[in-house]
């Protein structure tokens, strides 16, 4: 397990992978909250 975490946090490919995972999770949270707001607002 230490080898995997070392590879994730020290190598350039690992850092890019970590950034991609965090970006996708952040985008999912943002889109979910935006969709919830749009569904709850009675505009039409």
N, C-alpha and C. Protein backbone atom coordinates (compact mmCIF):
# COMPACT_ATOMS: atom_id res chain seq x y z
N UNK A 1 0.82 -1.20 0.00
CA UNK A 1 0.00 0.00 0.00
C UNK A 1 0.86 1.26 0.00
N UNK A 2 2.02 1.21 0.69
CA UNK A 2 2.90 2.37 0.72
C UNK A 2 3.47 2.67 -0.65
N UNK A 3 3.71 1.64 -1.43
CA UNK A 3 4.26 1.84 -2.77
C UNK A 3 3.24 2.55 -3.66
N UNK A 4 1.98 2.17 -3.51
CA UNK A 4 0.93 2.78 -4.33
C UNK A 4 0.76 4.25 -3.97
N UNK A 5 0.72 4.57 -2.67
CA UNK A 5 0.57 5.96 -2.25
C UNK A 5 1.80 6.78 -2.61
N UNK A 6 2.97 6.18 -2.53
CA UNK A 6 4.20 6.86 -2.92
C UNK A 6 4.18 7.18 -4.41
N UNK A 7 3.74 6.25 -5.20
CA UNK A 7 3.63 6.47 -6.65
C UNK A 7 2.58 7.52 -6.97
N UNK A 8 1.48 7.52 -6.22
CA UNK A 8 0.39 8.48 -6.47
C UNK A 8 0.81 9.91 -6.15
N UNK A 9 1.54 10.10 -5.07
CA UNK A 9 1.86 11.45 -4.63
C UNK A 9 3.20 11.99 -5.11
N UNK A 10 4.06 11.15 -5.65
CA UNK A 10 5.38 11.65 -6.04
C UNK A 10 5.61 11.68 -7.54
N UNK A 11 5.02 10.77 -8.30
CA UNK A 11 5.31 10.76 -9.73
C UNK A 11 4.37 11.73 -10.46
N UNK A 12 4.81 12.24 -11.59
CA UNK A 12 3.95 13.16 -12.36
C UNK A 12 2.65 12.51 -12.83
N UNK A 13 2.72 11.26 -13.25
CA UNK A 13 1.50 10.57 -13.70
C UNK A 13 0.55 10.35 -12.54
N UNK A 14 1.09 10.05 -11.38
CA UNK A 14 0.25 9.88 -10.20
C UNK A 14 -0.44 11.18 -9.80
N UNK A 15 0.30 12.29 -9.86
CA UNK A 15 -0.30 13.58 -9.53
C UNK A 15 -1.37 13.98 -10.54
N UNK A 16 -1.14 13.69 -11.81
CA UNK A 16 -2.16 13.97 -12.82
C UNK A 16 -3.40 13.11 -12.60
N UNK A 17 -3.21 11.87 -12.21
CA UNK A 17 -4.33 10.99 -11.92
C UNK A 17 -5.12 11.48 -10.71
N UNK A 18 -4.40 11.89 -9.67
CA UNK A 18 -5.05 12.42 -8.48
C UNK A 18 -5.83 13.68 -8.80
N UNK A 19 -5.26 14.58 -9.59
CA UNK A 19 -5.95 15.79 -9.99
C UNK A 19 -7.20 15.46 -10.80
N UNK A 20 -7.11 14.49 -11.70
CA UNK A 20 -8.25 14.11 -12.51
C UNK A 20 -9.38 13.54 -11.66
N UNK A 21 -9.04 12.69 -10.71
CA UNK A 21 -10.05 12.10 -9.82
C UNK A 21 -10.74 13.19 -9.00
N UNK A 22 -9.95 14.09 -8.43
CA UNK A 22 -10.54 15.17 -7.63
C UNK A 22 -11.38 16.12 -8.48
N UNK A 23 -10.94 16.39 -9.70
CA UNK A 23 -11.70 17.26 -10.60
C UNK A 23 -13.05 16.65 -10.95
N UNK A 24 -13.08 15.35 -11.24
CA UNK A 24 -14.33 14.69 -11.61
C UNK A 24 -15.29 14.65 -10.42
N UNK A 25 -14.77 14.39 -9.21
CA UNK A 25 -15.62 14.40 -8.03
C UNK A 25 -16.18 15.81 -7.79
N UNK A 26 -15.35 16.83 -7.92
CA UNK A 26 -15.81 18.20 -7.76
C UNK A 26 -16.84 18.60 -8.81
N UNK A 27 -16.63 18.18 -10.05
CA UNK A 27 -17.59 18.49 -11.10
C UNK A 27 -18.91 17.79 -10.86
N UNK A 28 -18.88 16.55 -10.35
CA UNK A 28 -20.11 15.82 -10.05
C UNK A 28 -20.90 16.51 -8.94
N UNK A 29 -20.21 16.96 -7.89
CA UNK A 29 -20.89 17.66 -6.80
C UNK A 29 -21.50 18.97 -7.29
N UNK A 30 -20.76 19.70 -8.11
CA UNK A 30 -21.26 20.97 -8.64
C UNK A 30 -22.49 20.75 -9.53
N UNK A 31 -22.41 19.78 -10.42
CA UNK A 31 -23.54 19.53 -11.31
C UNK A 31 -24.76 19.01 -10.56
N UNK A 32 -24.55 18.15 -9.57
CA UNK A 32 -25.68 17.66 -8.79
C UNK A 32 -26.38 18.78 -8.05
N UNK A 33 -25.62 19.67 -7.44
CA UNK A 33 -26.25 20.78 -6.72
C UNK A 33 -26.96 21.73 -7.69
N UNK A 34 -26.37 21.95 -8.86
CA UNK A 34 -26.99 22.83 -9.85
C UNK A 34 -28.29 22.22 -10.38
N UNK A 35 -28.28 20.91 -10.67
CA UNK A 35 -29.49 20.24 -11.15
C UNK A 35 -30.58 20.23 -10.09
N UNK A 36 -30.20 20.02 -8.82
CA UNK A 36 -31.19 20.04 -7.74
C UNK A 36 -31.84 21.41 -7.63
N UNK A 37 -31.03 22.46 -7.74
CA UNK A 37 -31.58 23.82 -7.69
C UNK A 37 -32.52 24.08 -8.86
N UNK A 38 -32.13 23.61 -10.05
CA UNK A 38 -32.97 23.83 -11.24
C UNK A 38 -34.28 23.05 -11.14
N UNK A 39 -34.25 21.84 -10.57
CA UNK A 39 -35.47 21.05 -10.47
C UNK A 39 -36.42 21.61 -9.42
N UNK A 40 -35.89 22.26 -8.37
CA UNK A 40 -36.74 22.78 -7.31
C UNK A 40 -37.27 24.17 -7.58
N UNK A 41 -36.75 24.85 -8.58
CA UNK A 41 -37.25 26.21 -8.86
C UNK A 41 -38.42 26.14 -9.85
N UNK A 42 -39.59 26.62 -9.45
CA UNK A 42 -40.77 26.55 -10.33
C UNK A 42 -40.81 27.74 -11.31
N UNK A 43 -40.05 27.67 -12.36
CA UNK A 43 -40.04 28.77 -13.34
C UNK A 43 -41.13 28.58 -14.39
N UNK A 44 -41.41 27.36 -14.79
CA UNK A 44 -42.40 27.13 -15.86
C UNK A 44 -43.56 26.32 -15.36
